[in-house]
N, C-alpha and C. Protein backbone atom coordinates (compact mmCIF):
# COMPACT_ATOMS: atom_id res chain seq x y z
N MET A 1 0.82 -1.20 0.00
CA MET A 1 0.00 0.00 0.00
C MET A 1 0.86 1.26 0.00
N ASN A 2 1.97 1.20 0.70
CA ASN A 2 2.86 2.35 0.82
C ASN A 2 3.51 2.71 -0.52
N THR A 3 3.82 1.72 -1.33
CA THR A 3 4.43 1.99 -2.64
C THR A 3 3.42 2.61 -3.60
N VAL A 4 2.16 2.23 -3.48
CA VAL A 4 1.13 2.80 -4.34
C VAL A 4 0.94 4.29 -4.02
N VAL A 5 0.92 4.63 -2.73
CA VAL A 5 0.77 6.02 -2.32
C VAL A 5 1.97 6.84 -2.79
N LEU A 6 3.15 6.25 -2.68
CA LEU A 6 4.36 6.95 -3.12
C LEU A 6 4.35 7.17 -4.63
N SER A 7 3.87 6.17 -5.37
CA SER A 7 3.80 6.32 -6.83
C SER A 7 2.79 7.39 -7.23
N VAL A 8 1.64 7.41 -6.58
CA VAL A 8 0.63 8.43 -6.86
C VAL A 8 1.17 9.81 -6.52
N PHE A 9 1.90 9.92 -5.43
CA PHE A 9 2.49 11.20 -5.03
C PHE A 9 3.50 11.68 -6.07
N ARG A 10 4.34 10.76 -6.56
CA ARG A 10 5.33 11.14 -7.57
C ARG A 10 4.67 11.60 -8.86
N VAL A 11 3.64 10.89 -9.30
CA VAL A 11 2.94 11.28 -10.52
C VAL A 11 2.26 12.63 -10.33
N SER A 12 1.68 12.86 -9.16
CA SER A 12 1.02 14.14 -8.88
C SER A 12 2.02 15.28 -8.90
N VAL A 13 3.18 15.09 -8.28
CA VAL A 13 4.20 16.14 -8.27
C VAL A 13 4.70 16.39 -9.69
N PHE A 14 4.88 15.33 -10.47
CA PHE A 14 5.31 15.50 -11.84
C PHE A 14 4.30 16.30 -12.65
N LEU A 15 2.99 15.99 -12.52
CA LEU A 15 1.97 16.71 -13.25
C LEU A 15 1.90 18.18 -12.84
N VAL A 16 2.06 18.45 -11.54
CA VAL A 16 2.03 19.83 -11.07
C VAL A 16 3.19 20.62 -11.67
N VAL A 17 4.37 20.04 -11.63
CA VAL A 17 5.55 20.72 -12.18
C VAL A 17 5.40 20.91 -13.69
N LEU A 18 4.89 19.91 -14.37
CA LEU A 18 4.69 20.01 -15.82
C LEU A 18 3.69 21.11 -16.16
N LEU A 19 2.55 21.15 -15.49
CA LEU A 19 1.55 22.17 -15.77
C LEU A 19 2.05 23.56 -15.39
N TYR A 20 2.80 23.67 -14.33
CA TYR A 20 3.38 24.96 -13.96
C TYR A 20 4.35 25.44 -15.03
N GLY A 21 5.17 24.52 -15.55
CA GLY A 21 6.11 24.88 -16.60
C GLY A 21 5.42 25.30 -17.88
N VAL A 22 4.36 24.60 -18.28
CA VAL A 22 3.61 24.97 -19.47
C VAL A 22 2.98 26.35 -19.28
N GLY A 23 2.41 26.59 -18.11
CA GLY A 23 1.83 27.91 -17.83
C GLY A 23 2.86 29.01 -17.85
N TYR A 24 4.04 28.74 -17.35
CA TYR A 24 5.10 29.74 -17.32
C TYR A 24 5.57 30.07 -18.74
N VAL A 25 5.70 29.06 -19.58
CA VAL A 25 6.13 29.28 -20.97
C VAL A 25 5.05 30.06 -21.72
N CYS A 26 3.80 29.71 -21.53
CA CYS A 26 2.71 30.42 -22.21
C CYS A 26 2.61 31.86 -21.72
N LYS A 27 2.88 32.10 -20.46
CA LYS A 27 2.83 33.45 -19.92
C LYS A 27 3.91 34.31 -20.53
N LYS A 28 5.06 33.77 -20.75
CA LYS A 28 6.16 34.52 -21.34
C LYS A 28 5.81 34.98 -22.75
N ARG A 29 5.09 34.16 -23.49
CA ARG A 29 4.75 34.51 -24.86
C ARG A 29 3.68 35.59 -24.93
N THR A 30 2.73 35.58 -24.02
CA THR A 30 1.59 36.49 -24.13
C THR A 30 1.83 37.84 -23.47
N THR A 31 2.81 37.98 -22.61
CA THR A 31 3.02 39.27 -21.95
C THR A 31 3.91 40.20 -22.76
N SER A 32 4.18 39.84 -24.00
CA SER A 32 5.06 40.70 -24.78
C SER A 32 4.39 42.01 -25.17
N LEU A 33 3.07 42.01 -25.35
CA LEU A 33 2.36 43.23 -25.71
C LEU A 33 1.40 43.62 -24.59
N ARG A 34 1.51 44.86 -24.14
CA ARG A 34 0.68 45.33 -23.03
C ARG A 34 -0.78 45.43 -23.43
N GLU A 35 -1.05 45.84 -24.65
CA GLU A 35 -2.43 46.00 -25.10
C GLU A 35 -3.16 44.67 -25.20
N LYS A 36 -2.46 43.63 -25.54
CA LYS A 36 -3.11 42.33 -25.63
C LYS A 36 -3.47 41.78 -24.26
N CYS A 37 -2.77 42.20 -23.24
CA CYS A 37 -3.04 41.70 -21.89
C CYS A 37 -4.05 42.55 -21.14
N SER A 38 -4.40 43.70 -21.67
CA SER A 38 -5.34 44.57 -20.96
C SER A 38 -6.78 44.09 -21.18
N ALA A 39 -7.64 44.48 -20.26
CA ALA A 39 -9.05 44.07 -20.34
C ALA A 39 -9.76 44.82 -21.46
N TYR A 40 -10.65 44.15 -22.12
CA TYR A 40 -11.45 44.77 -23.17
C TYR A 40 -12.90 44.37 -22.92
N GLU A 41 -13.70 45.31 -22.46
CA GLU A 41 -15.09 45.01 -22.14
C GLU A 41 -15.99 46.08 -22.73
N CYS A 42 -17.11 45.66 -23.21
CA CYS A 42 -18.21 46.55 -23.64
C CYS A 42 -17.81 47.51 -24.75
N GLY A 43 -16.81 47.23 -25.50
CA GLY A 43 -16.44 48.09 -26.59
C GLY A 43 -15.72 49.36 -26.17
N LEU A 44 -15.31 49.47 -24.93
CA LEU A 44 -14.60 50.65 -24.46
C LEU A 44 -13.11 50.50 -24.70
N ASP A 45 -12.44 51.60 -24.93
CA ASP A 45 -11.00 51.58 -25.14
C ASP A 45 -10.32 51.24 -23.82
N PRO A 46 -9.50 50.19 -23.76
CA PRO A 46 -8.89 49.80 -22.49
C PRO A 46 -7.81 50.77 -22.02
N ASN A 47 -7.30 51.60 -22.90
CA ASN A 47 -6.24 52.52 -22.50
C ASN A 47 -6.77 53.91 -22.16
N ALA A 48 -8.08 54.10 -22.26
CA ALA A 48 -8.67 55.41 -21.93
C ALA A 48 -8.95 55.49 -20.44
N SER A 49 -9.51 56.60 -20.02
CA SER A 49 -9.83 56.82 -18.62
C SER A 49 -10.92 55.84 -18.17
N ALA A 50 -10.79 55.38 -16.94
CA ALA A 50 -11.78 54.46 -16.39
C ALA A 50 -12.97 55.18 -15.80
N ARG A 51 -12.96 56.48 -15.79
CA ARG A 51 -14.04 57.27 -15.19
C ARG A 51 -15.07 57.75 -16.19
N ILE A 52 -15.16 57.11 -17.33
CA ILE A 52 -16.15 57.48 -18.33
C ILE A 52 -17.50 56.95 -17.87
N PRO A 53 -18.52 57.80 -17.82
CA PRO A 53 -19.83 57.31 -17.38
C PRO A 53 -20.44 56.37 -18.41
N PHE A 54 -21.14 55.38 -17.92
CA PHE A 54 -21.82 54.45 -18.81
C PHE A 54 -23.31 54.53 -18.56
N SER A 55 -24.06 53.98 -19.46
CA SER A 55 -25.50 54.06 -19.39
C SER A 55 -26.04 53.21 -18.24
N VAL A 56 -26.92 53.80 -17.45
CA VAL A 56 -27.54 53.08 -16.35
C VAL A 56 -28.50 52.03 -16.90
N ARG A 57 -29.04 52.28 -18.07
CA ARG A 57 -29.94 51.30 -18.69
C ARG A 57 -29.20 50.00 -19.01
N PHE A 58 -27.93 50.11 -19.41
CA PHE A 58 -27.14 48.90 -19.66
C PHE A 58 -26.99 48.09 -18.37
N PHE A 59 -26.70 48.76 -17.28
CA PHE A 59 -26.56 48.09 -15.99
C PHE A 59 -27.89 47.47 -15.57
N LEU A 60 -28.99 48.20 -15.73
CA LEU A 60 -30.30 47.70 -15.34
C LEU A 60 -30.69 46.48 -16.17
N LEU A 61 -30.41 46.53 -17.46
CA LEU A 61 -30.71 45.38 -18.31
C LEU A 61 -29.88 44.16 -17.92
N ALA A 62 -28.63 44.38 -17.55
CA ALA A 62 -27.78 43.27 -17.11
C ALA A 62 -28.34 42.65 -15.84
N VAL A 63 -28.80 43.47 -14.91
CA VAL A 63 -29.38 42.95 -13.67
C VAL A 63 -30.67 42.19 -13.96
N ILE A 64 -31.51 42.73 -14.85
CA ILE A 64 -32.76 42.06 -15.21
C ILE A 64 -32.46 40.70 -15.84
N LEU A 65 -31.49 40.64 -16.74
CA LEU A 65 -31.14 39.36 -17.37
C LEU A 65 -30.61 38.36 -16.35
N LEU A 66 -29.83 38.84 -15.40
CA LEU A 66 -29.31 37.95 -14.36
C LEU A 66 -30.44 37.40 -13.51
N VAL A 67 -31.37 38.25 -13.13
CA VAL A 67 -32.50 37.80 -12.32
C VAL A 67 -33.34 36.79 -13.10
N PHE A 68 -33.60 37.05 -14.38
CA PHE A 68 -34.40 36.11 -15.15
C PHE A 68 -33.67 34.79 -15.39
N ASP A 69 -32.35 34.82 -15.48
CA ASP A 69 -31.61 33.56 -15.61
C ASP A 69 -31.76 32.71 -14.36
N VAL A 70 -31.67 33.34 -13.19
CA VAL A 70 -31.85 32.61 -11.93
C VAL A 70 -33.27 32.08 -11.84
N GLU A 71 -34.23 32.87 -12.27
CA GLU A 71 -35.62 32.43 -12.20
C GLU A 71 -35.89 31.27 -13.15
N ILE A 72 -35.26 31.27 -14.30
CA ILE A 72 -35.43 30.14 -15.23
C ILE A 72 -34.84 28.87 -14.61
N ALA A 73 -33.72 29.00 -13.93
CA ALA A 73 -33.14 27.84 -13.25
C ALA A 73 -34.10 27.33 -12.17
N LEU A 74 -34.74 28.25 -11.45
CA LEU A 74 -35.71 27.83 -10.45
C LEU A 74 -36.94 27.19 -11.08
N LEU A 75 -37.37 27.70 -12.22
CA LEU A 75 -38.51 27.09 -12.91
C LEU A 75 -38.23 25.66 -13.32
N ILE A 76 -37.00 25.39 -13.68
CA ILE A 76 -36.66 24.04 -14.10
C ILE A 76 -36.48 23.12 -12.89
N GLY A 77 -35.88 23.64 -11.81
CA GLY A 77 -35.53 22.79 -10.68
C GLY A 77 -36.62 22.58 -9.65
N VAL A 78 -37.46 23.58 -9.41
CA VAL A 78 -38.44 23.49 -8.32
C VAL A 78 -39.43 22.35 -8.51
N PRO A 79 -40.02 22.15 -9.68
CA PRO A 79 -40.98 21.04 -9.80
C PRO A 79 -40.37 19.68 -9.51
N TRP A 80 -39.13 19.48 -9.91
CA TRP A 80 -38.50 18.19 -9.65
C TRP A 80 -38.27 17.97 -8.17
N VAL A 81 -37.87 19.02 -7.47
CA VAL A 81 -37.62 18.89 -6.03
C VAL A 81 -38.92 18.65 -5.29
N VAL A 82 -39.94 19.44 -5.61
CA VAL A 82 -41.23 19.29 -4.92
C VAL A 82 -41.85 17.93 -5.25
N GLY A 83 -41.78 17.53 -6.49
CA GLY A 83 -42.34 16.24 -6.87
C GLY A 83 -41.58 15.08 -6.26
N ALA A 84 -40.27 15.20 -6.16
CA ALA A 84 -39.46 14.13 -5.59
C ALA A 84 -39.63 14.03 -4.08
N ARG A 85 -39.98 15.12 -3.43
CA ARG A 85 -40.18 15.11 -1.98
C ARG A 85 -41.48 14.43 -1.58
N GLY A 86 -42.34 14.17 -2.53
CA GLY A 86 -43.58 13.48 -2.22
C GLY A 86 -44.75 14.40 -1.96
N PHE A 87 -44.62 15.69 -2.28
CA PHE A 87 -45.73 16.61 -2.10
C PHE A 87 -46.75 16.49 -3.22
N GLY A 88 -46.38 15.85 -4.27
CA GLY A 88 -47.29 15.66 -5.39
C GLY A 88 -46.99 16.62 -6.52
N TRP A 89 -47.24 16.11 -7.71
CA TRP A 89 -46.95 16.92 -8.89
C TRP A 89 -47.95 18.04 -9.08
N SER A 90 -49.16 17.89 -8.55
CA SER A 90 -50.14 18.98 -8.69
C SER A 90 -49.69 20.21 -7.91
N ARG A 91 -49.12 20.01 -6.73
CA ARG A 91 -48.59 21.15 -5.97
C ARG A 91 -47.38 21.76 -6.67
N ALA A 92 -46.57 20.93 -7.28
CA ALA A 92 -45.41 21.44 -8.01
C ALA A 92 -45.84 22.31 -9.18
N ILE A 93 -46.83 21.84 -9.93
CA ILE A 93 -47.33 22.61 -11.08
C ILE A 93 -47.98 23.90 -10.59
N PHE A 94 -48.73 23.84 -9.49
CA PHE A 94 -49.33 25.07 -8.95
C PHE A 94 -48.25 26.06 -8.52
N GLY A 95 -47.20 25.58 -7.89
CA GLY A 95 -46.11 26.46 -7.48
C GLY A 95 -45.42 27.11 -8.66
N VAL A 96 -45.21 26.35 -9.71
CA VAL A 96 -44.58 26.89 -10.92
C VAL A 96 -45.49 27.93 -11.56
N CYS A 97 -46.80 27.66 -11.62
CA CYS A 97 -47.73 28.63 -12.20
C CYS A 97 -47.75 29.92 -11.39
N PHE A 98 -47.74 29.80 -10.07
CA PHE A 98 -47.70 30.99 -9.22
C PHE A 98 -46.40 31.77 -9.46
N PHE A 99 -45.30 31.06 -9.60
CA PHE A 99 -44.01 31.68 -9.85
C PHE A 99 -44.01 32.43 -11.18
N VAL A 100 -44.61 31.84 -12.20
CA VAL A 100 -44.69 32.48 -13.51
C VAL A 100 -45.57 33.72 -13.44
N VAL A 101 -46.64 33.67 -12.67
CA VAL A 101 -47.50 34.84 -12.53
C VAL A 101 -46.73 35.98 -11.85
N VAL A 102 -45.97 35.67 -10.81
CA VAL A 102 -45.16 36.70 -10.15
C VAL A 102 -44.13 37.27 -11.12
N LEU A 103 -43.50 36.43 -11.93
CA LEU A 103 -42.56 36.92 -12.94
C LEU A 103 -43.24 37.83 -13.96
N PHE A 104 -44.43 37.44 -14.39
CA PHE A 104 -45.14 38.23 -15.37
C PHE A 104 -45.54 39.59 -14.79
N VAL A 105 -45.98 39.62 -13.53
CA VAL A 105 -46.33 40.88 -12.89
C VAL A 105 -45.09 41.78 -12.80
N GLY A 106 -43.94 41.20 -12.47
CA GLY A 106 -42.70 41.98 -12.43
C GLY A 106 -42.31 42.51 -13.79
N LEU A 107 -42.50 41.70 -14.82
CA LEU A 107 -42.18 42.14 -16.18
C LEU A 107 -43.09 43.27 -16.62
N VAL A 108 -44.38 43.19 -16.31
CA VAL A 108 -45.31 44.26 -16.66
C VAL A 108 -44.95 45.53 -15.92
N HIS A 109 -44.56 45.41 -14.66
CA HIS A 109 -44.16 46.59 -13.88
C HIS A 109 -42.94 47.26 -14.50
N GLU A 110 -41.94 46.47 -14.88
CA GLU A 110 -40.73 47.04 -15.48
C GLU A 110 -41.04 47.66 -16.85
N TRP A 111 -41.95 47.06 -17.58
CA TRP A 111 -42.34 47.59 -18.88
C TRP A 111 -43.05 48.93 -18.72
N ARG A 112 -43.98 49.01 -17.78
CA ARG A 112 -44.70 50.27 -17.55
C ARG A 112 -43.77 51.35 -17.00
N GLU A 113 -42.81 50.95 -16.20
CA GLU A 113 -41.86 51.92 -15.64
C GLU A 113 -40.95 52.49 -16.71
N GLY A 114 -40.77 51.76 -17.80
CA GLY A 114 -39.92 52.24 -18.89
C GLY A 114 -38.50 51.72 -18.82
N SER A 115 -38.25 50.75 -17.97
CA SER A 115 -36.89 50.23 -17.83
C SER A 115 -36.45 49.42 -19.04
N LEU A 116 -37.39 48.92 -19.81
CA LEU A 116 -37.05 48.08 -20.94
C LEU A 116 -37.00 48.86 -22.25
N ASP A 117 -37.24 50.16 -22.23
CA ASP A 117 -37.18 50.99 -23.43
C ASP A 117 -35.76 51.45 -23.69
N TRP A 118 -35.26 51.24 -24.91
CA TRP A 118 -33.91 51.63 -25.26
C TRP A 118 -33.87 52.90 -26.08
N VAL A 119 -35.01 53.41 -26.46
CA VAL A 119 -35.04 54.60 -27.33
C VAL A 119 -34.99 55.86 -26.49
């Protein structure tokens, strides 16, 4: 048993050293240009000032999309959990329908508020 553990340890150390070496070689090649290593997000110039104001509507839309992504995950997962717990599939379907109604009410509120208008 002791030789097996020692062999696994040696292979693990070898893989760590090998991956570290590959990462080090790749890092040397990519750091040659400063512009290639700088962040590029949202179409903004990475070498310009970071204090340029951005649209609040972009931020609001990103938050709305994040919330709806989480809610879609809940829509997929909640019925399976409730049904698997033995509460019955009718309660699971009712819960999902209630959840969709709450989402729809939120969407109508955001639409009336004007948060979804880009013009």
